[in-house]
Amino acid sequence: MKSRMSVVQYRRRFPDRPEPIGMEYQGKWIAWNQTGRRIVAAADHLDDLRQIVSESKTVDPIFQKVPQSMFLGGAWSRF
């Protein structure tokens, strides 16, 4: 049986967690706001992301590299 959770259901079930990272961010660098709950910028290279974040005046961003492969139900998968 396949079960999927909508973003609304996810927010209700896990109110303290950030939203799931969308597939459009695979392989990119992302910057979260200082609470780690919202993505404020994304770029292919860390230096580019640092420049974008600096220009946006985001306070204390959290940088993360999103893997190219995503973990799905017990197996690694490349999209």
PDB file of N, CA and C in Angstrom:
ATOM      1  N   MET A   1       0.841  -1.178   0.000  1.00  0.00           N
ATOM      2  CA  MET A   1       0.000   0.000   0.000  1.00  0.00           C
ATOM      3  C   MET A   1       0.889   1.246   0.000  1.00  0.00           C
ATOM      4  N   LYS A   2       0.654   2.125  -0.928  1.00  0.00           N
ATOM      5  CA  LYS A   2       1.454   3.339  -1.067  1.00  0.00           C
ATOM      6  C   LYS A   2       0.764   4.482  -0.325  1.00  0.00           C
ATOM      7  N   SER A   3       1.516   5.151   0.515  1.00  0.00           N
ATOM      8  CA  SER A   3       0.958   6.248   1.286  1.00  0.00           C
ATOM      9  C   SER A   3       1.777   7.507   1.051  1.00  0.00           C
ATOM     10  N   ARG A   4       1.111   8.610   0.752  1.00  0.00           N
ATOM     11  CA  ARG A   4       1.782   9.893   0.562  1.00  0.00           C
ATOM     12  C   ARG A   4       1.170  10.903   1.505  1.00  0.00           C
ATOM     13  N   MET A   5       1.998  11.789   1.984  1.00  0.00           N
ATOM     14  CA  MET A   5       1.547  12.820   2.905  1.00  0.00           C
ATOM     15  C   MET A   5       1.620  14.163   2.175  1.00  0.00           C
ATOM     16  N   SER A   6       0.545  14.919   2.204  1.00  0.00           N
ATOM     17  CA  SER A   6       0.561  16.249   1.588  1.00  0.00           C
ATOM     18  C   SER A   6       1.385  17.194   2.472  1.00  0.00           C
ATOM     19  N   VAL A   7       1.771  18.329   1.912  1.00  0.00           N
ATOM     20  CA  VAL A   7       2.538  19.308   2.679  1.00  0.00           C
ATOM     21  C   VAL A   7       1.716  19.795   3.869  1.00  0.00           C
ATOM     22  N   VAL A   8       0.418  19.969   3.679  1.00  0.00           N
ATOM     23  CA  VAL A   8      -0.453  20.406   4.777  1.00  0.00           C
ATOM     24  C   VAL A   8      -0.458  19.365   5.897  1.00  0.00           C
ATOM     25  N   GLN A   9      -0.586  18.093   5.532  1.00  0.00           N
ATOM     26  CA  GLN A   9      -0.551  17.020   6.537  1.00  0.00           C
ATOM     27  C   GLN A   9       0.798  16.983   7.243  1.00  0.00           C
ATOM     28  N   TYR A  10       1.874  17.173   6.479  1.00  0.00           N
ATOM     29  CA  TYR A  10       3.221  17.176   7.048  1.00  0.00           C
ATOM     30  C   TYR A  10       3.361  18.289   8.079  1.00  0.00           C
ATOM     31  N   ARG A  11       2.889  19.505   7.730  1.00  0.00           N
ATOM     32  CA  ARG A  11       2.976  20.643   8.652  1.00  0.00           C
ATOM     33  C   ARG A  11       2.199  20.377   9.945  1.00  0.00           C
ATOM     34  N   ARG A  12       1.031  19.746   9.805  1.00  0.00           N
ATOM     35  CA  ARG A  12       0.232  19.443  11.001  1.00  0.00           C
ATOM     36  C   ARG A  12       0.899  18.371  11.857  1.00  0.00           C
ATOM     37  N   ARG A  13       1.444  17.359  11.210  1.00  0.00           N
ATOM     38  CA  ARG A  13       2.044  16.241  11.953  1.00  0.00           C
ATOM     39  C   ARG A  13       3.395  16.603  12.557  1.00  0.00           C
ATOM     40  N   PHE A  14       4.170  17.413  11.838  1.00  0.00           N
ATOM     41  CA  PHE A  14       5.514  17.779  12.291  1.00  0.00           C
ATOM     42  C   PHE A  14       5.670  19.301  12.298  1.00  0.00           C
ATOM     43  N   PRO A  15       5.016  20.002  13.218  1.00  0.00           N
ATOM     44  CA  PRO A  15       5.028  21.470  13.191  1.00  0.00           C
ATOM     45  C   PRO A  15       6.399  22.100  13.429  1.00  0.00           C
ATOM     46  N   ASP A  16       7.321  21.383  14.074  1.00  0.00           N
ATOM     47  CA  ASP A  16       8.629  21.962  14.384  1.00  0.00           C
ATOM     48  C   ASP A  16       9.694  21.636  13.349  1.00  0.00           C
ATOM     49  N   ARG A  17       9.351  20.890  12.339  1.00  0.00           N
ATOM     50  CA  ARG A  17      10.331  20.517  11.309  1.00  0.00           C
ATOM     51  C   ARG A  17      10.193  21.435  10.094  1.00  0.00           C
ATOM     52  N   PRO A  18      11.291  21.608   9.360  1.00  0.00           N
ATOM     53  CA  PRO A  18      11.196  22.389   8.124  1.00  0.00           C
ATOM     54  C   PRO A  18      10.399  21.604   7.083  1.00  0.00           C
ATOM     55  N   GLU A  19       9.939  22.295   6.061  1.00  0.00           N
ATOM     56  CA  GLU A  19       9.229  21.613   4.987  1.00  0.00           C
ATOM     57  C   GLU A  19      10.205  20.720   4.228  1.00  0.00           C
ATOM     58  N   PRO A  20       9.686  19.666   3.586  1.00  0.00           N
ATOM     59  CA  PRO A  20      10.562  18.812   2.785  1.00  0.00           C
ATOM     60  C   PRO A  20      11.256  19.630   1.691  1.00  0.00           C
ATOM     61  N   ILE A  21      12.454  19.225   1.337  1.00  0.00           N
ATOM     62  CA  ILE A  21      13.205  19.917   0.289  1.00  0.00           C
ATOM     63  C   ILE A  21      12.718  19.408  -1.060  1.00  0.00           C
ATOM     64  N   GLY A  22      12.341  20.326  -1.942  1.00  0.00           N
ATOM     65  CA  GLY A  22      11.835  19.960  -3.261  1.00  0.00           C
ATOM     66  C   GLY A  22      12.914  19.396  -4.168  1.00  0.00           C
ATOM     67  N   MET A  23      12.495  18.601  -5.138  1.00  0.00           N
ATOM     68  CA  MET A  23      13.426  17.978  -6.071  1.00  0.00           C
ATOM     69  C   MET A  23      14.202  19.006  -6.888  1.00  0.00           C
ATOM     70  N   GLU A  24      13.663  20.219  -7.020  1.00  0.00           N
ATOM     71  CA  GLU A  24      14.360  21.245  -7.804  1.00  0.00           C
ATOM     72  C   GLU A  24      15.675  21.671  -7.154  1.00  0.00           C
ATOM     73  N   TYR A  25      15.883  21.289  -5.907  1.00  0.00           N
ATOM     74  CA  TYR A  25      17.114  21.641  -5.192  1.00  0.00           C
ATOM     75  C   TYR A  25      18.166  20.529  -5.232  1.00  0.00           C
ATOM     76  N   GLN A  26      17.869  19.401  -5.856  1.00  0.00           N
ATOM     77  CA  GLN A  26      18.835  18.298  -5.922  1.00  0.00           C
ATOM     78  C   GLN A  26      20.157  18.763  -6.506  1.00  0.00           C
ATOM     79  N   GLY A  27      21.242  18.458  -5.802  1.00  0.00           N
ATOM     80  CA  GLY A  27      22.579  18.800  -6.270  1.00  0.00           C
ATOM     81  C   GLY A  27      22.972  20.251  -6.067  1.00  0.00           C
ATOM     82  N   LYS A  28      22.108  21.047  -5.474  1.00  0.00           N
ATOM     83  CA  LYS A  28      22.391  22.471  -5.277  1.00  0.00           C
ATOM     84  C   LYS A  28      22.770  22.758  -3.826  1.00  0.00           C
ATOM     85  N   TRP A  29      23.323  23.924  -3.626  1.00  0.00           N
ATOM     86  CA  TRP A  29      23.547  24.471  -2.296  1.00  0.00           C
ATOM     87  C   TRP A  29      22.328  25.295  -1.941  1.00  0.00           C
ATOM     88  N   ILE A  30      21.835  25.159  -0.718  1.00  0.00           N
ATOM     89  CA  ILE A  30      20.699  25.968  -0.273  1.00  0.00           C
ATOM     90  C   ILE A  30      21.071  26.698   1.013  1.00  0.00           C
ATOM     91  N   ALA A  31      20.393  27.797   1.242  1.00  0.00           N
ATOM     92  CA  ALA A  31      20.566  28.556   2.481  1.00  0.00           C
ATOM     93  C   ALA A  31      19.214  28.606   3.179  1.00  0.00           C
ATOM     94  N   TRP A  32      19.217  28.186   4.444  1.00  0.00           N
ATOM     95  CA  TRP A  32      18.022  28.249   5.278  1.00  0.00           C
ATOM     96  C   TRP A  32      18.064  29.544   6.074  1.00  0.00           C
ATOM     97  N   ASN A  33      16.892  30.018   6.495  1.00  0.00           N
ATOM     98  CA  ASN A  33      16.876  31.165   7.408  1.00  0.00           C
ATOM     99  C   ASN A  33      17.465  30.715   8.742  1.00  0.00           C
ATOM    100  N   GLN A  34      17.651  31.645   9.664  1.00  0.00           N
ATOM    101  CA  GLN A  34      18.367  31.326  10.899  1.00  0.00           C
ATOM    102  C   GLN A  34      17.655  30.299  11.768  1.00  0.00           C
ATOM    103  N   THR A  35      16.357  30.090  11.585  1.00  0.00           N
ATOM    104  CA  THR A  35      15.647  29.060  12.353  1.00  0.00           C
ATOM    105  C   THR A  35      15.699  27.699  11.667  1.00  0.00           C
ATOM    106  N   GLY A  36      16.178  27.672  10.420  1.00  0.00           N
ATOM    107  CA  GLY A  36      16.263  26.412   9.693  1.00  0.00           C
ATOM    108  C   GLY A  36      14.913  25.901   9.221  1.00  0.00           C
ATOM    109  N   ARG A  37      13.947  26.794   9.077  1.00  0.00           N
ATOM    110  CA  ARG A  37      12.596  26.377   8.704  1.00  0.00           C
ATOM    111  C   ARG A  37      12.190  26.799   7.296  1.00  0.00           C
ATOM    112  N   ARG A  38      12.978  27.700   6.665  1.00  0.00           N
ATOM    113  CA  ARG A  38      12.593  28.201   5.347  1.00  0.00           C
ATOM    114  C   ARG A  38      13.835  28.369   4.481  1.00  0.00           C
ATOM    115  N   ILE A  39      13.758  27.923   3.242  1.00  0.00           N
ATOM    116  CA  ILE A  39      14.855  28.111   2.292  1.00  0.00           C
ATOM    117  C   ILE A  39      14.781  29.533   1.768  1.00  0.00           C
ATOM    118  N   VAL A  40      15.891  30.255   1.899  1.00  0.00           N
ATOM    119  CA  VAL A  40      15.914  31.658   1.463  1.00  0.00           C
ATOM    120  C   VAL A  40      16.624  31.858   0.134  1.00  0.00           C
ATOM    121  N   ALA A  41      17.468  30.898  -0.276  1.00  0.00           N
ATOM    122  CA  ALA A  41      18.185  31.022  -1.542  1.00  0.00           C
ATOM    123  C   ALA A  41      18.773  29.667  -1.928  1.00  0.00           C
ATOM    124  N   ALA A  42      19.096  29.534  -3.213  1.00  0.00           N
ATOM    125  CA  ALA A  42      19.725  28.311  -3.721  1.00  0.00           C
ATOM    126  C   ALA A  42      20.631  28.667  -4.889  1.00  0.00           C
ATOM    127  N   ALA A  43      21.688  27.884  -5.064  1.00  0.00           N
ATOM    128  CA  ALA A  43      22.624  28.102  -6.172  1.00  0.00           C
ATOM    129  C   ALA A  43      23.398  26.808  -6.428  1.00  0.00           C
ATOM    130  N   ASP A  44      23.998  26.729  -7.603  1.00  0.00           N
ATOM    131  CA  ASP A  44      24.788  25.540  -7.944  1.00  0.00           C
ATOM    132  C   ASP A  44      26.118  25.497  -7.202  1.00  0.00           C
ATOM    133  N   HIS A  45      26.648  26.669  -6.863  1.00  0.00           N
ATOM    134  CA  HIS A  45      27.956  26.744  -6.214  1.00  0.00           C
ATOM    135  C   HIS A  45      27.857  27.526  -4.903  1.00  0.00           C
ATOM    136  N   LEU A  46      28.619  27.094  -3.915  1.00  0.00           N
ATOM    137  CA  LEU A  46      28.575  27.718  -2.597  1.00  0.00           C
ATOM    138  C   LEU A  46      28.964  29.198  -2.651  1.00  0.00           C
ATOM    139  N   ASP A  47      29.976  29.540  -3.435  1.00  0.00           N
ATOM    140  CA  ASP A  47      30.388  30.945  -3.530  1.00  0.00           C
ATOM    141  C   ASP A  47      29.255  31.823  -4.072  1.00  0.00           C
ATOM    142  N   ASP A  48      28.534  31.310  -5.075  1.00  0.00           N
ATOM    143  CA  ASP A  48      27.394  32.051  -5.624  1.00  0.00           C
ATOM    144  C   ASP A  48      26.305  32.227  -4.569  1.00  0.00           C
ATOM    145  N   LEU A  49      26.056  31.168  -3.808  1.00  0.00           N
ATOM    146  CA  LEU A  49      25.032  31.232  -2.767  1.00  0.00           C
ATOM    147  C   LEU A  49      25.406  32.241  -1.686  1.00  0.00           C
ATOM    148  N   ARG A  50      26.665  32.229  -1.288  1.00  0.00           N
ATOM    149  CA  ARG A  50      27.123  33.202  -0.283  1.00  0.00           C
ATOM    150  C   ARG A  50      26.898  34.638  -0.773  1.00  0.00           C
ATOM    151  N   GLN A  51      27.142  34.881  -2.043  1.00  0.00           N
ATOM    152  CA  GLN A  51      26.939  36.214  -2.620  1.00  0.00           C
ATOM    153  C   GLN A  51      25.457  36.594  -2.591  1.00  0.00           C
ATOM    154  N   ILE A  52      24.587  35.679  -2.998  1.00  0.00           N
ATOM    155  CA  ILE A  52      23.141  35.931  -3.004  1.00  0.00           C
ATOM    156  C   ILE A  52      22.651  36.240  -1.594  1.00  0.00           C
ATOM    157  N   VAL A  53      23.079  35.417  -0.636  1.00  0.00           N
ATOM    158  CA  VAL A  53      22.642  35.593   0.748  1.00  0.00           C
ATOM    159  C   VAL A  53      23.167  36.908   1.318  1.00  0.00           C
ATOM    160  N   SER A  54      24.396  37.249   0.992  1.00  0.00           N
ATOM    161  CA  SER A  54      24.977  38.509   1.462  1.00  0.00           C
ATOM    162  C   SER A  54      24.176  39.707   0.952  1.00  0.00           C
ATOM    163  N   GLU A  55      23.796  39.664  -0.311  1.00  0.00           N
ATOM    164  CA  GLU A  55      23.021  40.751  -0.907  1.00  0.00           C
ATOM    165  C   GLU A  55      21.607  40.832  -0.328  1.00  0.00           C
ATOM    166  N   SER A  56      21.067  39.688   0.115  1.00  0.00           N
ATOM    167  CA  SER A  56      19.703  39.678   0.663  1.00  0.00           C
ATOM    168  C   SER A  56      19.667  40.084   2.134  1.00  0.00           C
ATOM    169  N   LYS A  57      20.855  40.202   2.729  1.00  0.00           N
ATOM    170  CA  LYS A  57      20.986  40.597   4.139  1.00  0.00           C
ATOM    171  C   LYS A  57      20.303  39.610   5.096  1.00  0.00           C
ATOM    172  N   THR A  58      20.290  38.334   4.723  1.00  0.00           N
ATOM    173  CA  THR A  58      19.755  37.297   5.603  1.00  0.00           C
ATOM    174  C   THR A  58      20.673  37.158   6.812  1.00  0.00           C
ATOM    175  N   VAL A  59      20.099  37.125   7.993  1.00  0.00           N
ATOM    176  CA  VAL A  59      20.866  37.041   9.232  1.00  0.00           C
ATOM    177  C   VAL A  59      21.130  35.577   9.581  1.00  0.00           C
ATOM    178  N   ASP A  60      22.389  35.233   9.831  1.00  0.00           N
ATOM    179  CA  ASP A  60      22.810  33.892  10.261  1.00  0.00           C
ATOM    180  C   ASP A  60      22.211  32.753   9.449  1.00  0.00           C
ATOM    181  N   PRO A  61      22.443  32.735   8.123  1.00  0.00           N
ATOM    182  CA  PRO A  61      21.896  31.642   7.320  1.00  0.00           C
ATOM    183  C   PRO A  61      22.580  30.312   7.638  1.00  0.00           C
ATOM    184  N   ILE A  62      21.889  29.241   7.336  1.00  0.00           N
ATOM    185  CA  ILE A  62      22.434  27.885   7.500  1.00  0.00           C
ATOM    186  C   ILE A  62      22.594  27.319   6.094  1.00  0.00           C
ATOM    187  N   PHE A  63      23.828  26.943   5.729  1.00  0.00           N
ATOM    188  CA  PHE A  63      24.110  26.424   4.396  1.00  0.00           C
ATOM    189  C   PHE A  63      24.066  24.901   4.391  1.00  0.00           C
ATOM    190  N   GLN A  64      23.522  24.348   3.305  1.00  0.00           N
ATOM    191  CA  GLN A  64      23.415  22.894   3.185  1.00  0.00           C
ATOM    192  C   GLN A  64      23.559  22.499   1.724  1.00  0.00           C
ATOM    193  N   LYS A  65      24.295  21.421   1.472  1.00  0.00           N
ATOM    194  CA  LYS A  65      24.399  20.852   0.130  1.00  0.00           C
ATOM    195  C   LYS A  65      23.357  19.741   0.035  1.00  0.00           C
ATOM    196  N   VAL A  66      22.459  19.849  -0.924  1.00  0.00           N
ATOM    197  CA  VAL A  66      21.429  18.828  -1.119  1.00  0.00           C
ATOM    198  C   VAL A  66      22.022  17.742  -2.010  1.00  0.00           C
ATOM    199  N   PRO A  67      21.944  16.490  -1.586  1.00  0.00           N
ATOM    200  CA  PRO A  67      22.540  15.418  -2.400  1.00  0.00           C
ATOM    201  C   PRO A  67      21.863  15.275  -3.757  1.00  0.00           C
ATOM    202  N   GLN A  68      22.621  14.784  -4.709  1.00  0.00           N
ATOM    203  CA  GLN A  68      22.083  14.513  -6.048  1.00  0.00           C
ATOM    204  C   GLN A  68      21.135  13.317  -6.003  1.00  0.00           C
ATOM    205  N   SER A  69      21.423  12.376  -5.137  1.00  0.00           N
ATOM    206  CA  SER A  69      20.580  11.190  -4.969  1.00  0.00           C
ATOM    207  C   SER A  69      19.719  11.381  -3.733  1.00  0.00           C
ATOM    208  N   MET A  70      18.509  10.894  -3.799  1.00  0.00           N
ATOM    209  CA  MET A  70      17.591  11.006  -2.673  1.00  0.00           C
ATOM    210  C   MET A  70      17.320   9.611  -2.112  1.00  0.00           C
ATOM    211  N   PHE A  71      17.118   9.527  -0.817  1.00  0.00           N
ATOM    212  CA  PHE A  71      16.831   8.261  -0.158  1.00  0.00           C
ATOM    213  C   PHE A  71      15.329   8.037  -0.169  1.00  0.00           C
ATOM    214  N   LEU A  72      14.893   6.936  -0.777  1.00  0.00           N
ATOM    215  CA  LEU A  72      13.468   6.649  -0.888  1.00  0.00           C
ATOM    216  C   LEU A  72      13.188   5.221  -0.425  1.00  0.00           C
ATOM    217  N   GLY A  73      12.443   5.081   0.630  1.00  0.00           N
ATOM    218  CA  GLY A  73      11.916   3.799   1.072  1.00  0.00           C
ATOM    219  C   GLY A  73      12.894   2.634   1.096  1.00  0.00           C
ATOM    220  N   GLY A  74      14.069   2.828   1.659  1.00  0.00           N
ATOM    221  CA  GLY A  74      14.995   1.721   1.819  1.00  0.00           C
ATOM    222  C   GLY A  74      15.991   1.559   0.692  1.00  0.00           C
ATOM    223  N   ALA A  75      15.943   2.407  -0.321  1.00  0.00           N
ATOM    224  CA  ALA A  75      16.890   2.292  -1.418  1.00  0.00           C
ATOM    225  C   ALA A  75      17.303   3.677  -1.913  1.00  0.00           C
ATOM    226  N   TRP A  76      18.551   3.800  -2.300  1.00  0.00           N
ATOM    227  CA  TRP A  76      19.001   5.074  -2.876  1.00  0.00           C
ATOM    228  C   TRP A  76      18.553   5.114  -4.323  1.00  0.00           C
ATOM    229  N   SER A  77      18.097   6.270  -4.744  1.00  0.00           N
ATOM    230  CA  SER A  77      17.574   6.410  -6.103  1.00  0.00           C
ATOM    231  C   SER A  77      18.118   7.682  -6.725  1.00  0.00           C
ATOM    232  N   ARG A  78      18.498   7.605  -7.987  1.00  0.00           N
ATOM    233  CA  ARG A  78      18.917   8.792  -8.738  1.00  0.00           C
ATOM    234  C   ARG A  78      17.772   9.197  -9.647  1.00  0.00           C
ATOM    235  N   PHE A  79      17.408  10.474  -9.570  1.00  0.00           N
ATOM    236  CA  PHE A  79      16.306  10.958 -10.422  1.00  0.00           C
ATOM    237  C   PHE A  79      16.834  11.474 -11.725  1.00  0.00           C
TER     238      PHE A  79
END
